[in-house]
Every structure is written in structure tokens, then in C-alpha cells.
């Protein structure tokens, strides 16, 4: 791994560790208010957002920033960080120990590097995905620096499939797996990357929910299946505050025909 990518990884790890340490002090102890879109926000979200944005500005001159809690218009820059300072705010406020800090580094609008830290579980995921960028990057997906890969198993009633609260319509007779609902978009998909689950659906994720996980999921060998528009590349000048990117993630492409029939009642 060359010096550039080492610096990127070190920055993401150092920044999320520092921010996560403070968030753990506030975990389950803060009050939330409701935003216009119905989602929750706390002072902890806002503090974490400012800390991460300030860190990026001081380390990466000229890089853009797209964030859930501040600037939601994609900038006209070659490189841009997309951050979700606290994915899973409802879990965070209610004391449930699944929430994350998510960061994705985009090159010309498409994620190249993803980092997702889950402080209560002590889990740090990262991955590199050069795609068609023409860049030379490291490869692979990792959990606490150990390689991870999606499952090659066939679906059974002893395997997990993750849903969000807006995708429960897929729960129908003969659904092939056990259902889990974790409440955190990034972690929903990352359990597929680790092989813990065979698939997951998020009906209304925003770009900051998926930018980091998008890289890690594919680097781990899983399949990202957009249910409407392709999320990337992002377009400069576009406001992403109210755009959702419904997504199905599966451990391998061969499972798409098995799960697709259950999506017919899904409201997108």
C-alpha cells in the first residue's frame, strides 16, 4: 500500500476512533429532535459532523465534503469525502449498541475507499474498490484489519437476511431466510460483507448511508443491486438531501433470482 492510501486509512481510523470515544460518552444519554424528513438528530450528531469536517479540511486541502448534517450539495471537486457522523441515531439515543460512523472517499463522484466504525462493538470495517476509475489502489475488504468475504452458501432457514423498517413487505410465506432488523443501514450491508447474512434491503438510504459500505461490500465479493437509480457517480451541484437509493445487497449474484420475487410489494 503506497503512502497516499496508507495516509487515507490512517486518517479515517484516527478520526473515527477519536470521535467514537466521545460519542460513547453520550451513548444513550442524549435527547433527539426530529428533522424535516422524520429522522432523528442529536447534538452528538452535530458535534461529530463538525469534528470530522474540520479534520478533513485540515488534512485534505481542496477536497470536497458531503455530509448528512451540513453540506448536502455535491461539490465540483475531483476528490470528496462523504460522511455520516452517526448512522443509527435512534439506536444511539435508545441505548442499543449498534450505530456507526461512516466515511467514503469519492474520486470523480464514485467511492474508492470506505471506512465504517462501530464503536460499541469495537468493529472497524474498511475496503478499497478501484472499479473503472483507472486508479491503482489496494484491494480487499477488512474487519479490524482482517480480510472478510461474503458467504458462498445457498439460502436456508438457518441463514440471515436483513431488512429496514420500510421494507417489511418482503416478509411473505416461504421467504427463504430468517429475518433480522438492525436499524443501521451501513451495518445492515456490512453483515453481508462479513458472511454473517446472505442479504439485506434498505428502501430509503441516502448517499451518506451507503458511500462507505458500497466500497466494502463489493470489495468483499458481495453484489450491490440498485432497485432504482444507480447511486454513483454523484453529480456536482446536485442536492442529495432528499434523494434515496433503494438497494438490495446479496452475498453473491446468483441469489438475485431467488429474492427478486419477494420485492414485488416493496414500495419505493
C-alpha atoms as a PDB file:
ATOM      1  CA  UNK A   1       0.000   0.000   0.000  1.00  0.00           C
ATOM      2  CA  UNK A   2       1.557   3.278  -1.086  1.00  0.00           C
ATOM      3  CA  UNK A   3       1.913   6.337   1.131  1.00  0.00           C
ATOM      4  CA  UNK A   4      -1.260   8.008  -0.166  1.00  0.00           C
ATOM      5  CA  UNK A   5      -3.578   5.120   0.697  1.00  0.00           C
ATOM      6  CA  UNK A   6      -1.794   4.487   3.976  1.00  0.00           C
ATOM      7  CA  UNK A   7      -2.427   8.117   4.908  1.00  0.00           C
ATOM      8  CA  UNK A   8      -6.099   7.821   3.906  1.00  0.00           C
ATOM      9  CA  UNK A   9      -6.592   4.713   6.029  1.00  0.00           C
ATOM     10  CA  UNK A  10      -4.693   6.151   8.990  1.00  0.00           C
ATOM     11  CA  UNK A  11      -6.737   9.351   8.842  1.00  0.00           C
ATOM     12  CA  UNK A  12     -10.062   7.501   8.774  1.00  0.00           C
ATOM     13  CA  UNK A  13      -9.015   5.239  11.625  1.00  0.00           C
ATOM     14  CA  UNK A  14      -7.621   8.011  13.815  1.00  0.00           C
ATOM     15  CA  UNK A  15     -10.544  10.372  13.224  1.00  0.00           C
ATOM     16  CA  UNK A  16     -13.334   7.865  13.790  1.00  0.00           C
ATOM     17  CA  UNK A  17     -11.601   6.443  16.876  1.00  0.00           C
ATOM     18  CA  UNK A  18     -11.344   9.903  18.421  1.00  0.00           C
ATOM     19  CA  UNK A  19     -14.906  10.869  17.544  1.00  0.00           C
ATOM     20  CA  UNK A  20     -16.231   7.462  18.568  1.00  0.00           C
ATOM     21  CA  UNK A  21     -14.641   7.753  22.002  1.00  0.00           C
ATOM     22  CA  UNK A  22     -16.618  10.927  22.713  1.00  0.00           C
ATOM     23  CA  UNK A  23     -19.826   9.513  21.229  1.00  0.00           C
ATOM     24  CA  UNK A  24     -19.549   6.559  23.589  1.00  0.00           C
ATOM     25  CA  UNK A  25     -19.702   9.062  26.469  1.00  0.00           C
ATOM     26  CA  UNK A  26     -23.014  10.387  25.097  1.00  0.00           C
ATOM     27  CA  UNK A  27     -24.418   6.989  24.078  1.00  0.00           C
ATOM     28  CA  UNK A  28     -27.941   6.533  25.445  1.00  0.00           C
ATOM     29  CA  UNK A  29     -27.789   9.824  27.348  1.00  0.00           C
ATOM     30  CA  UNK A  30     -28.828  12.487  24.821  1.00  0.00           C
ATOM     31  CA  UNK A  31     -32.183  13.770  23.626  1.00  0.00           C
ATOM     32  CA  UNK A  32     -33.065  13.705  19.951  1.00  0.00           C
ATOM     33  CA  UNK A  33     -35.124  16.085  17.849  1.00  0.00           C
ATOM     34  CA  UNK A  34     -36.920  15.267  14.625  1.00  0.00           C
ATOM     35  CA  UNK A  35     -35.717  16.606  11.285  1.00  0.00           C
ATOM     36  CA  UNK A  36     -37.944  17.571   8.376  1.00  0.00           C
ATOM     37  CA  UNK A  37     -37.601  14.126   6.803  1.00  0.00           C
ATOM     38  CA  UNK A  38     -38.718  12.419  10.015  1.00  0.00           C
ATOM     39  CA  UNK A  39     -35.290  11.129  11.008  1.00  0.00           C
ATOM     40  CA  UNK A  40     -33.711  11.976  14.341  1.00  0.00           C
ATOM     41  CA  UNK A  41     -30.728  14.174  15.134  1.00  0.00           C
ATOM     42  CA  UNK A  42     -28.909  14.925  18.385  1.00  0.00           C
ATOM     43  CA  UNK A  43     -26.254  17.380  19.481  1.00  0.00           C
ATOM     44  CA  UNK A  44     -23.888  14.408  19.347  1.00  0.00           C
ATOM     45  CA  UNK A  45     -24.556  14.006  15.594  1.00  0.00           C
ATOM     46  CA  UNK A  46     -23.883  17.677  15.023  1.00  0.00           C
ATOM     47  CA  UNK A  47     -20.717  17.670  17.141  1.00  0.00           C
ATOM     48  CA  UNK A  48     -19.360  14.570  15.367  1.00  0.00           C
ATOM     49  CA  UNK A  49     -20.137  16.080  11.980  1.00  0.00           C
ATOM     50  CA  UNK A  50     -18.231  19.276  12.798  1.00  0.00           C
ATOM     51  CA  UNK A  51     -15.254  17.356  14.204  1.00  0.00           C
ATOM     52  CA  UNK A  52     -14.940  15.155  11.121  1.00  0.00           C
ATOM     53  CA  UNK A  53     -15.445  18.048   8.692  1.00  0.00           C
ATOM     54  CA  UNK A  54     -12.793  20.119  10.493  1.00  0.00           C
ATOM     55  CA  UNK A  55     -10.371  17.185  10.426  1.00  0.00           C
ATOM     56  CA  UNK A  56     -10.886  16.682   6.695  1.00  0.00           C
ATOM     57  CA  UNK A  57     -10.415  20.393   5.982  1.00  0.00           C
ATOM     58  CA  UNK A  58      -7.139  20.463   7.917  1.00  0.00           C
ATOM     59  CA  UNK A  59      -5.679  17.316   6.317  1.00  0.00           C
ATOM     60  CA  UNK A  60      -7.021  17.391   2.742  1.00  0.00           C
ATOM     61  CA  UNK A  61      -6.855  20.835   1.192  1.00  0.00           C
ATOM     62  CA  UNK A  62      -9.116  21.157  -1.838  1.00  0.00           C
ATOM     63  CA  UNK A  63     -11.163  18.026  -1.107  1.00  0.00           C
ATOM     64  CA  UNK A  64     -14.934  18.385  -1.048  1.00  0.00           C
ATOM     65  CA  UNK A  65     -17.192  17.264   1.798  1.00  0.00           C
ATOM     66  CA  UNK A  66     -20.749  15.951   1.561  1.00  0.00           C
ATOM     67  CA  UNK A  67     -22.400  15.281   4.915  1.00  0.00           C
ATOM     68  CA  UNK A  68     -25.767  14.357   6.355  1.00  0.00           C
ATOM     69  CA  UNK A  69     -25.630  17.136   8.938  1.00  0.00           C
ATOM     70  CA  UNK A  70     -24.091  20.004   6.929  1.00  0.00           C
ATOM     71  CA  UNK A  71     -23.382  20.458   3.214  1.00  0.00           C
ATOM     72  CA  UNK A  72     -25.654  18.189   1.149  1.00  0.00           C
ATOM     73  CA  UNK A  73     -24.771  19.570  -2.309  1.00  0.00           C
ATOM     74  CA  UNK A  74     -22.122  17.550  -4.106  1.00  0.00           C
ATOM     75  CA  UNK A  75     -19.159  19.847  -4.869  1.00  0.00           C
ATOM     76  CA  UNK A  76     -17.281  20.263  -8.117  1.00  0.00           C
ATOM     77  CA  UNK A  77     -14.070  18.674  -6.838  1.00  0.00           C
ATOM     78  CA  UNK A  78     -12.139  15.635  -8.082  1.00  0.00           C
ATOM     79  CA  UNK A  79     -11.969  14.170  -4.578  1.00  0.00           C
ATOM     80  CA  UNK A  80     -14.748  14.311  -1.993  1.00  0.00           C
ATOM     81  CA  UNK A  81     -15.385  12.765   1.410  1.00  0.00           C
ATOM     82  CA  UNK A  82     -18.975  11.675   2.071  1.00  0.00           C
ATOM     83  CA  UNK A  83     -19.686  11.214   5.773  1.00  0.00           C
ATOM     84  CA  UNK A  84     -22.421  10.079   8.085  1.00  0.00           C
ATOM     85  CA  UNK A  85     -21.211  11.112  11.539  1.00  0.00           C
ATOM     86  CA  UNK A  86     -23.739   8.879  13.304  1.00  0.00           C
ATOM     87  CA  UNK A  87     -25.613   6.229  11.330  1.00  0.00           C
ATOM     88  CA  UNK A  88     -28.290   4.753  13.596  1.00  0.00           C
ATOM     89  CA  UNK A  89     -29.255   7.759  15.691  1.00  0.00           C
ATOM     90  CA  UNK A  90     -32.409   6.064  17.003  1.00  0.00           C
ATOM     91  CA  UNK A  91     -30.360   3.128  18.295  1.00  0.00           C
ATOM     92  CA  UNK A  92     -27.870   5.602  19.742  1.00  0.00           C
ATOM     93  CA  UNK A  93     -30.471   7.563  21.678  1.00  0.00           C
ATOM     94  CA  UNK A  94     -32.273   4.440  22.944  1.00  0.00           C
ATOM     95  CA  UNK A  95     -29.123   2.725  24.164  1.00  0.00           C
ATOM     96  CA  UNK A  96     -28.967  -0.044  21.548  1.00  0.00           C
ATOM     97  CA  UNK A  97     -25.295  -0.808  20.791  1.00  0.00           C
ATOM     98  CA  UNK A  98     -25.422  -0.829  17.002  1.00  0.00           C
ATOM     99  CA  UNK A  99     -24.572   2.521  15.409  1.00  0.00           C
ATOM    100  CA  UNK A 100     -21.681   3.648  13.271  1.00  0.00           C
ATOM    101  CA  UNK A 101     -19.524   6.427  11.890  1.00  0.00           C
ATOM    102  CA  UNK A 102     -19.324   6.105   8.124  1.00  0.00           C
ATOM    103  CA  UNK A 103     -16.856   7.671   5.683  1.00  0.00           C
ATOM    104  CA  UNK A 104     -16.440   7.225   1.952  1.00  0.00           C
ATOM    105  CA  UNK A 105     -13.771   8.818  -0.231  1.00  0.00           C
ATOM    106  CA  UNK A 106     -15.033   9.526  -3.739  1.00  0.00           C
ATOM    107  CA  UNK A 107     -12.973  10.101  -6.873  1.00  0.00           C
ATOM    108  CA  UNK A 108     -14.860  11.866  -9.660  1.00  0.00           C
ATOM    109  CA  UNK A 109     -18.133  11.063  -7.925  1.00  0.00           C
ATOM    110  CA  UNK A 110     -17.587   7.363  -7.209  1.00  0.00           C
ATOM    111  CA  UNK A 111     -16.405   5.808  -3.925  1.00  0.00           C
ATOM    112  CA  UNK A 112     -12.893   4.366  -3.970  1.00  0.00           C
ATOM    113  CA  UNK A 113     -12.344   3.870  -0.233  1.00  0.00           C
ATOM    114  CA  UNK A 114     -14.833   3.124   2.537  1.00  0.00           C
ATOM    115  CA  UNK A 115     -14.465   3.113   6.312  1.00  0.00           C
ATOM    116  CA  UNK A 116     -17.193   2.310   8.839  1.00  0.00           C
ATOM    117  CA  UNK A 117     -16.515   2.223  12.578  1.00  0.00           C
ATOM    118  CA  UNK A 118     -18.992   0.725  15.054  1.00  0.00           C
ATOM    119  CA  UNK A 119     -17.749   1.975  18.468  1.00  0.00           C
ATOM    120  CA  UNK A 120     -19.984  -0.070  20.813  1.00  0.00           C
ATOM    121  CA  UNK A 121     -18.879  -3.308  19.142  1.00  0.00           C
ATOM    122  CA  UNK A 122     -15.259  -2.327  18.616  1.00  0.00           C
ATOM    123  CA  UNK A 123     -15.587  -3.123  14.909  1.00  0.00           C
ATOM    124  CA  UNK A 124     -13.816  -1.123  12.186  1.00  0.00           C
ATOM    125  CA  UNK A 125     -14.510  -2.026   8.559  1.00  0.00           C
ATOM    126  CA  UNK A 126     -12.597  -0.711   5.566  1.00  0.00           C
ATOM    127  CA  UNK A 127     -12.172  -1.525   1.914  1.00  0.00           C
ATOM    128  CA  UNK A 128     -10.833  -0.343  -1.427  1.00  0.00           C
ATOM    129  CA  UNK A 129     -12.648  -0.613  -4.754  1.00  0.00           C
ATOM    130  CA  UNK A 130     -10.984   0.916  -7.817  1.00  0.00           C
ATOM    131  CA  UNK A 131     -13.780  -0.100 -10.175  1.00  0.00           C
ATOM    132  CA  UNK A 132     -13.450   1.694 -13.514  1.00  0.00           C
ATOM    133  CA  UNK A 133     -11.700   4.722 -12.015  1.00  0.00           C
ATOM    134  CA  UNK A 134      -8.346   3.964 -13.608  1.00  0.00           C
ATOM    135  CA  UNK A 135      -6.691   4.418 -10.212  1.00  0.00           C
ATOM    136  CA  UNK A 136      -4.289   1.905  -8.735  1.00  0.00           C
ATOM    137  CA  UNK A 137      -5.499   1.113  -5.227  1.00  0.00           C
ATOM    138  CA  UNK A 138      -5.015  -1.616  -2.656  1.00  0.00           C
ATOM    139  CA  UNK A 139      -7.657  -4.348  -2.807  1.00  0.00           C
ATOM    140  CA  UNK A 140      -9.880  -6.189  -0.389  1.00  0.00           C
ATOM    141  CA  UNK A 141     -12.287  -5.659   2.479  1.00  0.00           C
ATOM    142  CA  UNK A 142     -11.328  -5.890   6.129  1.00  0.00           C
ATOM    143  CA  UNK A 143     -12.769  -6.042   9.640  1.00  0.00           C
ATOM    144  CA  UNK A 144     -10.268  -4.864  12.249  1.00  0.00           C
ATOM    145  CA  UNK A 145      -7.597  -5.339   9.560  1.00  0.00           C
ATOM    146  CA  UNK A 146      -8.515  -8.996   8.968  1.00  0.00           C
ATOM    147  CA  UNK A 147      -9.797  -9.885   5.461  1.00  0.00           C
ATOM    148  CA  UNK A 148     -13.522 -10.533   5.113  1.00  0.00           C
ATOM    149  CA  UNK A 149     -15.557 -12.095   2.321  1.00  0.00           C
ATOM    150  CA  UNK A 150     -19.230 -12.615   1.654  1.00  0.00           C
ATOM    151  CA  UNK A 151     -20.767 -16.072   2.001  1.00  0.00           C
ATOM    152  CA  UNK A 152     -20.904 -18.620  -0.818  1.00  0.00           C
ATOM    153  CA  UNK A 153     -23.723 -20.541   0.905  1.00  0.00           C
ATOM    154  CA  UNK A 154     -27.108 -21.329  -0.564  1.00  0.00           C
ATOM    155  CA  UNK A 155     -30.085 -19.790   1.231  1.00  0.00           C
ATOM    156  CA  UNK A 156     -31.677 -21.774   4.061  1.00  0.00           C
ATOM    157  CA  UNK A 157     -33.896 -21.081   7.060  1.00  0.00           C
ATOM    158  CA  UNK A 158     -30.733 -21.029   9.164  1.00  0.00           C
ATOM    159  CA  UNK A 159     -29.284 -18.029   7.282  1.00  0.00           C
ATOM    160  CA  UNK A 160     -29.997 -14.350   7.986  1.00  0.00           C
ATOM    161  CA  UNK A 161     -31.470 -11.643   5.762  1.00  0.00           C
ATOM    162  CA  UNK A 162     -31.644  -8.007   6.954  1.00  0.00           C
ATOM    163  CA  UNK A 163     -34.484  -5.544   6.483  1.00  0.00           C
ATOM    164  CA  UNK A 164     -35.105  -1.897   7.248  1.00  0.00           C
ATOM    165  CA  UNK A 165     -38.383  -0.735   8.797  1.00  0.00           C
ATOM    166  CA  UNK A 166     -39.690   0.331   5.362  1.00  0.00           C
ATOM    167  CA  UNK A 167     -39.053  -2.992   3.641  1.00  0.00           C
ATOM    168  CA  UNK A 168     -41.107  -5.361   5.800  1.00  0.00           C
ATOM    169  CA  UNK A 169     -43.421  -6.111   2.851  1.00  0.00           C
ATOM    170  CA  UNK A 170     -40.888  -8.713   1.698  1.00  0.00           C
ATOM    171  CA  UNK A 171     -41.802 -10.866   4.718  1.00  0.00           C
ATOM    172  CA  UNK A 172     -44.030 -13.350   2.947  1.00  0.00           C
ATOM    173  CA  UNK A 173     -44.758 -17.039   3.118  1.00  0.00           C
ATOM    174  CA  UNK A 174     -41.787 -19.152   2.076  1.00  0.00           C
ATOM    175  CA  UNK A 175     -39.239 -16.369   2.492  1.00  0.00           C
ATOM    176  CA  UNK A 176     -36.031 -18.407   2.392  1.00  0.00           C
ATOM    177  CA  UNK A 177     -34.125 -16.942   5.371  1.00  0.00           C
ATOM    178  CA  UNK A 178     -34.515 -15.736   8.942  1.00  0.00           C
ATOM    179  CA  UNK A 179     -35.212 -12.000   9.187  1.00  0.00           C
ATOM    180  CA  UNK A 180     -33.183  -9.517  11.202  1.00  0.00           C
ATOM    181  CA  UNK A 181     -33.707  -5.741  11.547  1.00  0.00           C
ATOM    182  CA  UNK A 182     -30.624  -3.933  12.831  1.00  0.00           C
ATOM    183  CA  UNK A 183     -31.660  -0.295  12.418  1.00  0.00           C
ATOM    184  CA  UNK A 184     -28.417   0.892  10.797  1.00  0.00           C
ATOM    185  CA  UNK A 185     -28.121   0.988   7.003  1.00  0.00           C
ATOM    186  CA  UNK A 186     -24.353   0.658   6.842  1.00  0.00           C
ATOM    187  CA  UNK A 187     -24.249  -2.243   9.317  1.00  0.00           C
ATOM    188  CA  UNK A 188     -27.151  -3.948   7.564  1.00  0.00           C
ATOM    189  CA  UNK A 189     -24.989  -4.257   4.456  1.00  0.00           C
ATOM    190  CA  UNK A 190     -21.696  -4.898   6.215  1.00  0.00           C
ATOM    191  CA  UNK A 191     -23.023  -8.072   7.816  1.00  0.00           C
ATOM    192  CA  UNK A 192     -23.387  -9.357   4.256  1.00  0.00           C
ATOM    193  CA  UNK A 193     -19.764  -8.411   3.569  1.00  0.00           C
ATOM    194  CA  UNK A 194     -18.620 -10.466   6.570  1.00  0.00           C
ATOM    195  CA  UNK A 195     -20.686 -13.505   5.605  1.00  0.00           C
ATOM    196  CA  UNK A 196     -22.965 -13.208   8.657  1.00  0.00           C
ATOM    197  CA  UNK A 197     -26.035 -12.531   6.478  1.00  0.00           C
ATOM    198  CA  UNK A 198     -26.879 -13.566   2.914  1.00  0.00           C
ATOM    199  CA  UNK A 199     -28.601 -10.316   2.028  1.00  0.00           C
ATOM    200  CA  UNK A 200     -30.136  -7.046   3.062  1.00  0.00           C
ATOM    201  CA  UNK A 201     -32.548  -4.396   1.835  1.00  0.00           C
ATOM    202  CA  UNK A 202     -32.670  -0.688   2.551  1.00  0.00           C
ATOM    203  CA  UNK A 203     -35.678   1.045   0.988  1.00  0.00           C
ATOM    204  CA  UNK A 204     -34.713   4.696   1.580  1.00  0.00           C
ATOM    205  CA  UNK A 205     -30.971   5.038   2.214  1.00  0.00           C
ATOM    206  CA  UNK A 206     -29.309   8.356   1.496  1.00  0.00           C
ATOM    207  CA  UNK A 207     -25.920   8.647  -0.160  1.00  0.00           C
ATOM    208  CA  UNK A 208     -24.111   9.210   3.170  1.00  0.00           C
ATOM    209  CA  UNK A 209     -25.654   5.975   4.490  1.00  0.00           C
ATOM    210  CA  UNK A 210     -24.148   3.927   1.665  1.00  0.00           C
ATOM    211  CA  UNK A 211     -20.953   5.630   0.414  1.00  0.00           C
ATOM    212  CA  UNK A 212     -18.615   3.788   2.781  1.00  0.00           C
ATOM    213  CA  UNK A 213     -20.446   0.455   2.737  1.00  0.00           C
ATOM    214  CA  UNK A 214     -20.737   0.487  -1.094  1.00  0.00           C
ATOM    215  CA  UNK A 215     -16.978   0.050  -1.354  1.00  0.00           C
ATOM    216  CA  UNK A 216     -16.602  -2.540   1.403  1.00  0.00           C
ATOM    217  CA  UNK A 217     -19.499  -4.718   0.228  1.00  0.00           C
ATOM    218  CA  UNK A 218     -18.133  -5.056  -3.299  1.00  0.00           C
ATOM    219  CA  UNK A 219     -14.541  -5.451  -2.165  1.00  0.00           C
ATOM    220  CA  UNK A 220     -15.761  -8.377  -0.030  1.00  0.00           C
ATOM    221  CA  UNK A 221     -17.252 -10.097  -3.076  1.00  0.00           C
ATOM    222  CA  UNK A 222     -20.927  -9.308  -2.463  1.00  0.00           C
ATOM    223  CA  UNK A 223     -23.307  -7.861  -5.064  1.00  0.00           C
ATOM    224  CA  UNK A 224     -24.808  -4.371  -4.847  1.00  0.00           C
ATOM    225  CA  UNK A 225     -28.169  -4.320  -6.675  1.00  0.00           C
ATOM    226  CA  UNK A 226     -29.789  -0.865  -7.087  1.00  0.00           C
ATOM    227  CA  UNK A 227     -33.596  -1.104  -7.027  1.00  0.00           C
ATOM    228  CA  UNK A 228     -33.994   2.232  -8.815  1.00  0.00           C
ATOM    229  CA  UNK A 229     -31.195   4.575  -9.887  1.00  0.00           C
ATOM    230  CA  UNK A 230     -27.511   3.723  -9.713  1.00  0.00           C
ATOM    231  CA  UNK A 231     -26.157   5.771  -6.802  1.00  0.00           C
ATOM    232  CA  UNK A 232     -22.800   6.616  -8.365  1.00  0.00           C
ATOM    233  CA  UNK A 233     -21.215   8.648  -9.815  1.00  0.00           C
ATOM    234  CA  UNK A 234     -22.660  11.632  -7.989  1.00  0.00           C
ATOM    235  CA  UNK A 235     -23.259  14.837  -9.964  1.00  0.00           C
ATOM    236  CA  UNK A 236     -21.713  18.154  -8.962  1.00  0.00           C
ATOM    237  CA  UNK A 237     -24.241  20.790  -7.924  1.00  0.00           C
ATOM    238  CA  UNK A 238     -26.856  18.156  -7.083  1.00  0.00           C
ATOM    239  CA  UNK A 239     -28.593  18.412  -3.705  1.00  0.00           C
ATOM    240  CA  UNK A 240     -28.730  14.927  -2.201  1.00  0.00           C
ATOM    241  CA  UNK A 241     -30.699  15.814   0.934  1.00  0.00           C
ATOM    242  CA  UNK A 242     -33.944  14.216  -0.276  1.00  0.00           C
ATOM    243  CA  UNK A 243     -32.684  11.583  -2.727  1.00  0.00           C
ATOM    244  CA  UNK A 244     -32.887   7.940  -1.714  1.00  0.00           C
ATOM    245  CA  UNK A 245     -31.189   4.968  -3.336  1.00  0.00           C
ATOM    246  CA  UNK A 246     -33.201   1.777  -2.635  1.00  0.00           C
ATOM    247  CA  UNK A 247     -30.774  -1.109  -2.549  1.00  0.00           C
ATOM    248  CA  UNK A 248     -30.618  -4.884  -2.359  1.00  0.00           C
ATOM    249  CA  UNK A 249     -27.280  -6.378  -1.312  1.00  0.00           C
ATOM    250  CA  UNK A 250     -26.660 -10.101  -1.735  1.00  0.00           C
ATOM    251  CA  UNK A 251     -23.708 -12.278  -0.857  1.00  0.00           C
ATOM    252  CA  UNK A 252     -23.452 -13.368  -4.487  1.00  0.00           C
ATOM    253  CA  UNK A 253     -25.116 -12.505  -7.792  1.00  0.00           C
ATOM    254  CA  UNK A 254     -26.585 -15.992  -8.215  1.00  0.00           C
ATOM    255  CA  UNK A 255     -29.073 -15.291  -5.401  1.00  0.00           C
ATOM    256  CA  UNK A 256     -30.793 -12.410  -7.246  1.00  0.00           C
ATOM    257  CA  UNK A 257     -33.479 -14.604  -8.906  1.00  0.00           C
ATOM    258  CA  UNK A 258     -34.287 -16.232  -5.559  1.00  0.00           C
ATOM    259  CA  UNK A 259     -35.017 -12.972  -3.718  1.00  0.00           C
ATOM    260  CA  UNK A 260     -36.385 -10.765  -6.510  1.00  0.00           C
ATOM    261  CA  UNK A 261     -39.964 -12.182  -6.374  1.00  0.00           C
ATOM    262  CA  UNK A 262     -40.275 -11.038  -2.757  1.00  0.00           C
ATOM    263  CA  UNK A 263     -39.636  -7.412  -3.754  1.00  0.00           C
ATOM    264  CA  UNK A 264     -42.877  -7.015  -5.761  1.00  0.00           C
ATOM    265  CA  UNK A 265     -44.796  -5.421  -2.846  1.00  0.00           C
ATOM    266  CA  UNK A 266     -41.916  -3.174  -1.824  1.00  0.00           C
ATOM    267  CA  UNK A 267     -42.952   0.491  -2.016  1.00  0.00           C
ATOM    268  CA  UNK A 268     -40.114   2.628  -3.344  1.00  0.00           C
END
